[in-house]
Each structure stands twice: as C-alpha cells, then as structure tokens.
Amino acid sequence: MDDQNPQVGSDEARLDALFMAYREACPDREPGADFMPQLWQKIEARDRVSTVFGRLARNLVTAALALSVLLGLAVSLSSHVAPLPSQSYVEVLAEDHARQSLDYFEPAEIVPAADQR
C-alpha cells in the first residue's frame, strides 16, 4: 500500500516537524499557585468588555424607544383630522373621471370660408 503513494512518509515527517516546532514555540505552562487567579482575571477582563458593550446597547435601545415614543406623540398631536367628504366614494370617482375626460378635449375654432382667402 505504501508503494501506491510515495509522499505519505514525507507528509507525516513534515507534520511531525510542524508539531515539534509548535511545541518549541508554545511550551506547556506549568500550573503554579497563581494559575487560577490569573485565569479568572483574564475571564473577568473579557467580561468587563462585554459589560461595557451591553450597557451601551441597552442605553441605545432605551434612547431609540424614547425617540420613537416622542415622534409618535408629535405625529399624533400635530396631525389634524381631515373632514370627511359629503359625497360617497362612487360619486367622488365619477366626478374625478369627468374632470380627467375633459383634459382630452380641445376647443374648436370655426373660421368662416370668407375669412380664409
């Protein structure tokens, strides 16, 4: 089976070399007396960053809610109620159709034949 793929050995050797270089670059840390306190300090430092963003997000949501309520009140108080038309919907449409159909007519001018010469 090794005869079919001659690069298997070289790939494994390269992978072993990579793992060896990684172990040398990042040695295992020996847990000491201050290992857990340092670990918790790192966790709490990350938690503080997320707490700052959480507070900022809550403040922005509160401001957006307050602004939308104020704008809703402003719109509802400033808008005046338009009077309802005394005509029915069908009558209004018929009147509008009559107005639109007048746009297609042009006044005709009649010139007597005697004036054309």
N, C-alpha and C. Protein backbone atom coordinates (compact mmCIF):
# COMPACT_ATOMS: atom_id res chain seq x y z
N MET A 1 0.82 -1.19 0.00
CA MET A 1 0.00 0.00 0.00
C MET A 1 0.86 1.26 0.00
N ASP A 2 2.03 1.19 0.61
CA ASP A 2 2.93 2.34 0.62
C ASP A 2 3.53 2.58 -0.76
N ASP A 3 3.50 1.55 -1.61
CA ASP A 3 4.03 1.70 -2.96
C ASP A 3 3.15 2.61 -3.81
N GLN A 4 1.86 2.69 -3.48
CA GLN A 4 0.94 3.47 -4.28
C GLN A 4 1.16 4.97 -4.09
N ASN A 5 1.49 5.41 -2.88
CA ASN A 5 1.65 6.84 -2.61
C ASN A 5 2.99 7.06 -1.92
N PRO A 6 4.00 7.49 -2.66
CA PRO A 6 5.33 7.66 -2.06
C PRO A 6 5.42 8.89 -1.17
N GLN A 7 4.45 9.81 -1.20
CA GLN A 7 4.55 11.05 -0.42
C GLN A 7 3.99 10.90 0.99
N VAL A 8 3.41 9.74 1.33
CA VAL A 8 2.80 9.57 2.64
C VAL A 8 3.85 9.73 3.73
N GLY A 9 4.98 9.14 3.59
CA GLY A 9 6.03 9.25 4.59
C GLY A 9 6.54 10.68 4.72
N SER A 10 6.70 11.36 3.60
CA SER A 10 7.21 12.72 3.66
C SER A 10 6.18 13.66 4.27
N ASP A 11 4.89 13.43 4.00
CA ASP A 11 3.84 14.27 4.61
C ASP A 11 3.80 14.08 6.12
N GLU A 12 3.93 12.83 6.56
CA GLU A 12 3.93 12.57 8.00
C GLU A 12 5.15 13.19 8.66
N ALA A 13 6.29 13.14 8.00
CA ALA A 13 7.51 13.72 8.54
C ALA A 13 7.37 15.24 8.65
N ARG A 14 6.76 15.85 7.62
CA ARG A 14 6.55 17.31 7.67
C ARG A 14 5.57 17.69 8.78
N LEU A 15 4.53 16.86 8.98
CA LEU A 15 3.57 17.13 10.04
C LEU A 15 4.21 16.98 11.41
N ASP A 16 5.04 15.95 11.59
CA ASP A 16 5.76 15.79 12.86
C ASP A 16 6.68 16.97 13.12
N ALA A 17 7.34 17.46 12.08
CA ALA A 17 8.23 18.62 12.24
C ALA A 17 7.43 19.86 12.61
N LEU A 18 6.25 19.99 12.03
CA LEU A 18 5.39 21.13 12.35
C LEU A 18 4.95 21.08 13.81
N PHE A 19 4.54 19.91 14.28
CA PHE A 19 4.14 19.76 15.69
C PHE A 19 5.32 20.03 16.62
N MET A 20 6.50 19.60 16.24
CA MET A 20 7.69 19.82 17.07
C MET A 20 8.00 21.32 17.16
N ALA A 21 7.89 22.00 16.04
CA ALA A 21 8.14 23.46 16.05
C ALA A 21 7.08 24.18 16.88
N TYR A 22 5.86 23.70 16.83
CA TYR A 22 4.79 24.31 17.63
C TYR A 22 5.06 24.11 19.12
N ARG A 23 5.47 22.90 19.53
CA ARG A 23 5.77 22.64 20.94
C ARG A 23 6.92 23.51 21.44
N GLU A 24 7.90 23.76 20.58
CA GLU A 24 9.03 24.61 20.98
C GLU A 24 8.60 26.07 21.07
N ALA A 25 7.72 26.50 20.18
CA ALA A 25 7.29 27.91 20.19
C ALA A 25 6.32 28.20 21.31
N CYS A 26 5.48 27.22 21.65
CA CYS A 26 4.46 27.40 22.69
C CYS A 26 4.61 26.31 23.73
N PRO A 27 5.52 26.48 24.67
CA PRO A 27 5.71 25.42 25.67
C PRO A 27 4.50 25.36 26.61
N ASP A 28 4.31 24.17 27.21
CA ASP A 28 3.22 24.00 28.18
C ASP A 28 3.51 24.84 29.41
N ARG A 29 2.49 25.45 29.93
CA ARG A 29 2.65 26.27 31.13
C ARG A 29 2.54 25.37 32.35
N GLU A 30 3.41 25.58 33.24
CA GLU A 30 3.35 24.82 34.49
C GLU A 30 2.36 25.52 35.42
N PRO A 31 1.35 24.80 35.86
CA PRO A 31 0.40 25.43 36.77
C PRO A 31 1.05 25.70 38.12
N GLY A 32 0.97 26.94 38.54
CA GLY A 32 1.55 27.32 39.81
C GLY A 32 0.46 27.77 40.77
N ALA A 33 0.87 28.41 41.83
CA ALA A 33 -0.09 28.85 42.85
C ALA A 33 -0.99 29.97 42.33
N ASP A 34 -0.49 30.77 41.37
CA ASP A 34 -1.29 31.89 40.87
C ASP A 34 -1.94 31.59 39.51
N PHE A 35 -1.99 30.31 39.11
CA PHE A 35 -2.58 29.95 37.81
C PHE A 35 -4.06 30.29 37.76
N MET A 36 -4.83 29.85 38.73
CA MET A 36 -6.28 30.08 38.71
C MET A 36 -6.63 31.56 38.90
N PRO A 37 -5.97 32.28 39.82
CA PRO A 37 -6.29 33.72 39.93
C PRO A 37 -6.01 34.49 38.63
N GLN A 38 -4.91 34.14 37.96
CA GLN A 38 -4.61 34.81 36.69
C GLN A 38 -5.64 34.45 35.63
N LEU A 39 -6.06 33.19 35.62
CA LEU A 39 -7.08 32.76 34.67
C LEU A 39 -8.39 33.51 34.91
N TRP A 40 -8.79 33.66 36.17
CA TRP A 40 -10.03 34.39 36.47
C TRP A 40 -9.90 35.87 36.16
N GLN A 41 -8.72 36.44 36.33
CA GLN A 41 -8.52 37.84 35.95
C GLN A 41 -8.72 38.03 34.46
N LYS A 42 -8.22 37.10 33.66
CA LYS A 42 -8.41 37.19 32.21
C LYS A 42 -9.89 37.05 31.84
N ILE A 43 -10.58 36.12 32.51
CA ILE A 43 -12.01 35.92 32.23
C ILE A 43 -12.80 37.16 32.61
N GLU A 44 -12.51 37.73 33.77
CA GLU A 44 -13.22 38.94 34.22
C GLU A 44 -12.90 40.14 33.35
N ALA A 45 -11.69 40.22 32.82
CA ALA A 45 -11.34 41.33 31.92
C ALA A 45 -12.18 41.25 30.65
N ARG A 46 -12.37 40.05 30.11
CA ARG A 46 -13.22 39.88 28.93
C ARG A 46 -14.67 40.19 29.27
N ASP A 47 -15.09 39.81 30.48
CA ASP A 47 -16.47 40.07 30.91
C ASP A 47 -16.72 41.56 31.05
N ARG A 48 -15.73 42.30 31.50
CA ARG A 48 -15.89 43.75 31.63
C ARG A 48 -16.10 44.41 30.27
N VAL A 49 -15.37 43.94 29.26
CA VAL A 49 -15.52 44.48 27.92
C VAL A 49 -16.93 44.22 27.42
N SER A 50 -17.42 43.00 27.61
CA SER A 50 -18.78 42.70 27.16
C SER A 50 -19.81 43.46 27.98
N THR A 51 -19.52 43.74 29.26
CA THR A 51 -20.44 44.53 30.08
C THR A 51 -20.53 45.96 29.56
N VAL A 52 -19.42 46.51 29.13
CA VAL A 52 -19.42 47.87 28.58
C VAL A 52 -20.28 47.92 27.31
N PHE A 53 -20.10 46.93 26.44
CA PHE A 53 -20.90 46.89 25.22
C PHE A 53 -22.37 46.63 25.53
N GLY A 54 -22.63 45.82 26.54
CA GLY A 54 -24.01 45.55 26.95
C GLY A 54 -24.69 46.81 27.46
N ARG A 55 -23.98 47.57 28.28
CA ARG A 55 -24.55 48.84 28.77
C ARG A 55 -24.80 49.81 27.63
N LEU A 56 -23.85 49.88 26.71
CA LEU A 56 -24.01 50.77 25.57
C LEU A 56 -25.22 50.36 24.73
N ALA A 57 -25.38 49.07 24.51
CA ALA A 57 -26.52 48.58 23.72
C ALA A 57 -27.83 48.88 24.44
N ARG A 58 -27.89 48.66 25.74
CA ARG A 58 -29.13 48.96 26.49
C ARG A 58 -29.44 50.45 26.44
N ASN A 59 -28.43 51.29 26.56
CA ASN A 59 -28.66 52.73 26.50
C ASN A 59 -29.16 53.15 25.12
N LEU A 60 -28.58 52.58 24.07
CA LEU A 60 -29.02 52.93 22.72
C LEU A 60 -30.46 52.47 22.46
N VAL A 61 -30.81 51.29 22.96
CA VAL A 61 -32.18 50.79 22.79
C VAL A 61 -33.15 51.68 23.55
N THR A 62 -32.79 52.09 24.75
CA THR A 62 -33.65 52.99 25.53
C THR A 62 -33.82 54.33 24.84
N ALA A 63 -32.74 54.87 24.29
CA ALA A 63 -32.83 56.15 23.58
C ALA A 63 -33.69 56.02 22.33
N ALA A 64 -33.55 54.92 21.59
CA ALA A 64 -34.36 54.71 20.39
C ALA A 64 -35.83 54.57 20.75
N LEU A 65 -36.14 53.88 21.83
CA LEU A 65 -37.52 53.73 22.27
C LEU A 65 -38.10 55.08 22.67
N ALA A 66 -37.35 55.87 23.43
CA ALA A 66 -37.82 57.18 23.84
C ALA A 66 -38.04 58.09 22.63
N LEU A 67 -37.13 58.05 21.67
CA LEU A 67 -37.27 58.87 20.48
C LEU A 67 -38.49 58.45 19.67
N SER A 68 -38.72 57.14 19.54
CA SER A 68 -39.89 56.70 18.77
C SER A 68 -41.19 57.07 19.47
N VAL A 69 -41.23 57.03 20.80
CA VAL A 69 -42.43 57.46 21.52
C VAL A 69 -42.65 58.95 21.33
N LEU A 70 -41.59 59.74 21.43
CA LEU A 70 -41.73 61.19 21.24
C LEU A 70 -42.20 61.52 19.82
N LEU A 71 -41.62 60.85 18.82
CA LEU A 71 -42.04 61.10 17.45
C LEU A 71 -43.48 60.66 17.22
N GLY A 72 -43.88 59.55 17.82
CA GLY A 72 -45.26 59.10 17.70
C GLY A 72 -46.22 60.09 18.32
N LEU A 73 -45.87 60.63 19.47
CA LEU A 73 -46.71 61.65 20.10
C LEU A 73 -46.76 62.92 19.26
N ALA A 74 -45.64 63.32 18.72
CA ALA A 74 -45.60 64.53 17.90
C ALA A 74 -46.48 64.37 16.66
N VAL A 75 -46.41 63.22 16.03
CA VAL A 75 -47.22 63.00 14.83
C VAL A 75 -48.70 62.95 15.18
N SER A 76 -49.03 62.29 16.27
CA SER A 76 -50.45 62.17 16.61
C SER A 76 -51.03 63.50 17.08
N LEU A 77 -50.25 64.33 17.72
CA LEU A 77 -50.77 65.62 18.19
C LEU A 77 -50.80 66.67 17.08
N SER A 78 -49.86 66.61 16.15
CA SER A 78 -49.79 67.64 15.13
C SER A 78 -50.70 67.37 13.95
N SER A 79 -51.08 66.15 13.73
CA SER A 79 -51.91 65.87 12.56
C SER A 79 -53.34 66.29 12.85
N HIS A 80 -53.89 67.01 11.91
CA HIS A 80 -55.28 67.44 12.05
C HIS A 80 -56.14 66.46 11.27
N VAL A 81 -57.33 66.28 11.74
CA VAL A 81 -58.22 65.33 11.11
C VAL A 81 -58.88 66.02 9.92
N ALA A 82 -58.73 65.43 8.75
CA ALA A 82 -59.33 65.99 7.55
C ALA A 82 -60.84 65.72 7.59
N PRO A 83 -61.63 66.68 7.17
CA PRO A 83 -63.08 66.44 7.19
C PRO A 83 -63.46 65.35 6.19
N LEU A 84 -64.44 64.60 6.55
CA LEU A 84 -64.90 63.54 5.67
C LEU A 84 -65.69 64.14 4.52
N PRO A 85 -65.52 63.60 3.32
CA PRO A 85 -66.26 64.15 2.19
C PRO A 85 -67.76 63.84 2.34
N SER A 86 -68.57 64.79 1.87
CA SER A 86 -70.01 64.60 1.97
C SER A 86 -70.53 63.66 0.88
N GLN A 87 -69.69 63.39 -0.12
CA GLN A 87 -70.09 62.51 -1.21
C GLN A 87 -69.64 61.08 -0.92
N SER A 88 -70.26 60.16 -1.60
CA SER A 88 -69.84 58.77 -1.46
C SER A 88 -68.60 58.54 -2.32
N TYR A 89 -68.01 57.40 -2.12
CA TYR A 89 -66.78 57.07 -2.85
C TYR A 89 -67.05 56.98 -4.35
N VAL A 90 -68.16 56.42 -4.72
CA VAL A 90 -68.50 56.28 -6.13
C VAL A 90 -68.72 57.65 -6.77
N GLU A 91 -69.36 58.56 -6.05
CA GLU A 91 -69.60 59.90 -6.59
C GLU A 91 -68.28 60.66 -6.78
N VAL A 92 -67.38 60.50 -5.84
CA VAL A 92 -66.08 61.17 -5.95
C VAL A 92 -65.31 60.62 -7.15
N LEU A 93 -65.34 59.31 -7.36
CA LEU A 93 -64.67 58.72 -8.51
C LEU A 93 -65.29 59.18 -9.83
N ALA A 94 -66.62 59.26 -9.87
CA ALA A 94 -67.29 59.70 -11.10
C ALA A 94 -66.94 61.15 -11.42
N GLU A 95 -66.88 61.99 -10.39
CA GLU A 95 -66.53 63.40 -10.61
C GLU A 95 -65.08 63.52 -11.08
N ASP A 96 -64.21 62.73 -10.51
CA ASP A 96 -62.81 62.77 -10.92
C ASP A 96 -62.66 62.26 -12.35
N HIS A 97 -63.40 61.23 -12.71
CA HIS A 97 -63.35 60.71 -14.08
C HIS A 97 -63.85 61.76 -15.07
N ALA A 98 -64.89 62.50 -14.68
CA ALA A 98 -65.41 63.56 -15.56
C ALA A 98 -64.37 64.65 -15.75
N ARG A 99 -63.65 64.98 -14.68
CA ARG A 99 -62.61 66.00 -14.80
C ARG A 99 -61.48 65.53 -15.70
N GLN A 100 -61.08 64.29 -15.55
CA GLN A 100 -59.98 63.76 -16.36
C GLN A 100 -60.37 63.65 -17.83
N SER A 101 -61.61 63.35 -18.11
CA SER A 101 -62.02 63.21 -19.51
C SER A 101 -62.08 64.57 -20.20
N LEU A 102 -62.21 65.65 -19.45
CA LEU A 102 -62.21 66.99 -20.05
C LEU A 102 -60.83 67.38 -20.56
N ASP A 103 -59.81 66.78 -20.03
CA ASP A 103 -58.45 67.12 -20.45
C ASP A 103 -58.18 66.70 -21.89
N TYR A 104 -58.95 65.78 -22.41
CA TYR A 104 -58.70 65.27 -23.75
C TYR A 104 -59.38 66.10 -24.84
N PHE A 105 -60.22 67.02 -24.47
CA PHE A 105 -60.93 67.84 -25.46
C PHE A 105 -60.23 69.17 -25.61
N GLU A 106 -60.14 69.64 -26.84
CA GLU A 106 -59.58 70.96 -27.11
C GLU A 106 -60.69 71.80 -27.73
N PRO A 107 -60.70 73.07 -27.42
CA PRO A 107 -61.74 73.91 -28.02
C PRO A 107 -61.55 74.00 -29.55
N ALA A 108 -62.61 73.94 -30.23
CA ALA A 108 -62.56 74.01 -31.71
C ALA A 108 -62.79 75.45 -32.14
N GLU A 109 -62.08 75.85 -33.15
CA GLU A 109 -62.23 77.20 -33.67
C GLU A 109 -62.80 77.10 -35.07
N ILE A 110 -63.90 77.73 -35.27
CA ILE A 110 -64.56 77.69 -36.58
C ILE A 110 -64.25 78.99 -37.29
N VAL A 111 -63.64 78.87 -38.46
CA VAL A 111 -63.28 80.04 -39.25
C VAL A 111 -64.19 80.03 -40.49
N PRO A 112 -64.93 81.11 -40.74
CA PRO A 112 -65.78 81.18 -41.93
C PRO A 112 -64.93 81.08 -43.20
N ALA A 113 -65.49 80.54 -44.24
CA ALA A 113 -64.79 80.34 -45.51
C ALA A 113 -64.40 81.66 -46.15
N ALA A 114 -65.15 82.72 -45.89
CA ALA A 114 -64.87 84.02 -46.48
C ALA A 114 -63.58 84.61 -45.86
N ASP A 115 -63.27 84.27 -44.63
CA ASP A 115 -62.09 84.82 -43.96
C ASP A 115 -60.81 84.07 -44.34
N GLN A 116 -60.92 82.94 -44.94
CA GLN A 116 -59.73 82.14 -45.27
C GLN A 116 -58.98 82.70 -46.48
N ARG A 117 -59.59 83.46 -47.32
CA ARG A 117 -58.93 83.94 -48.54
C ARG A 117 -58.10 85.12 -48.29
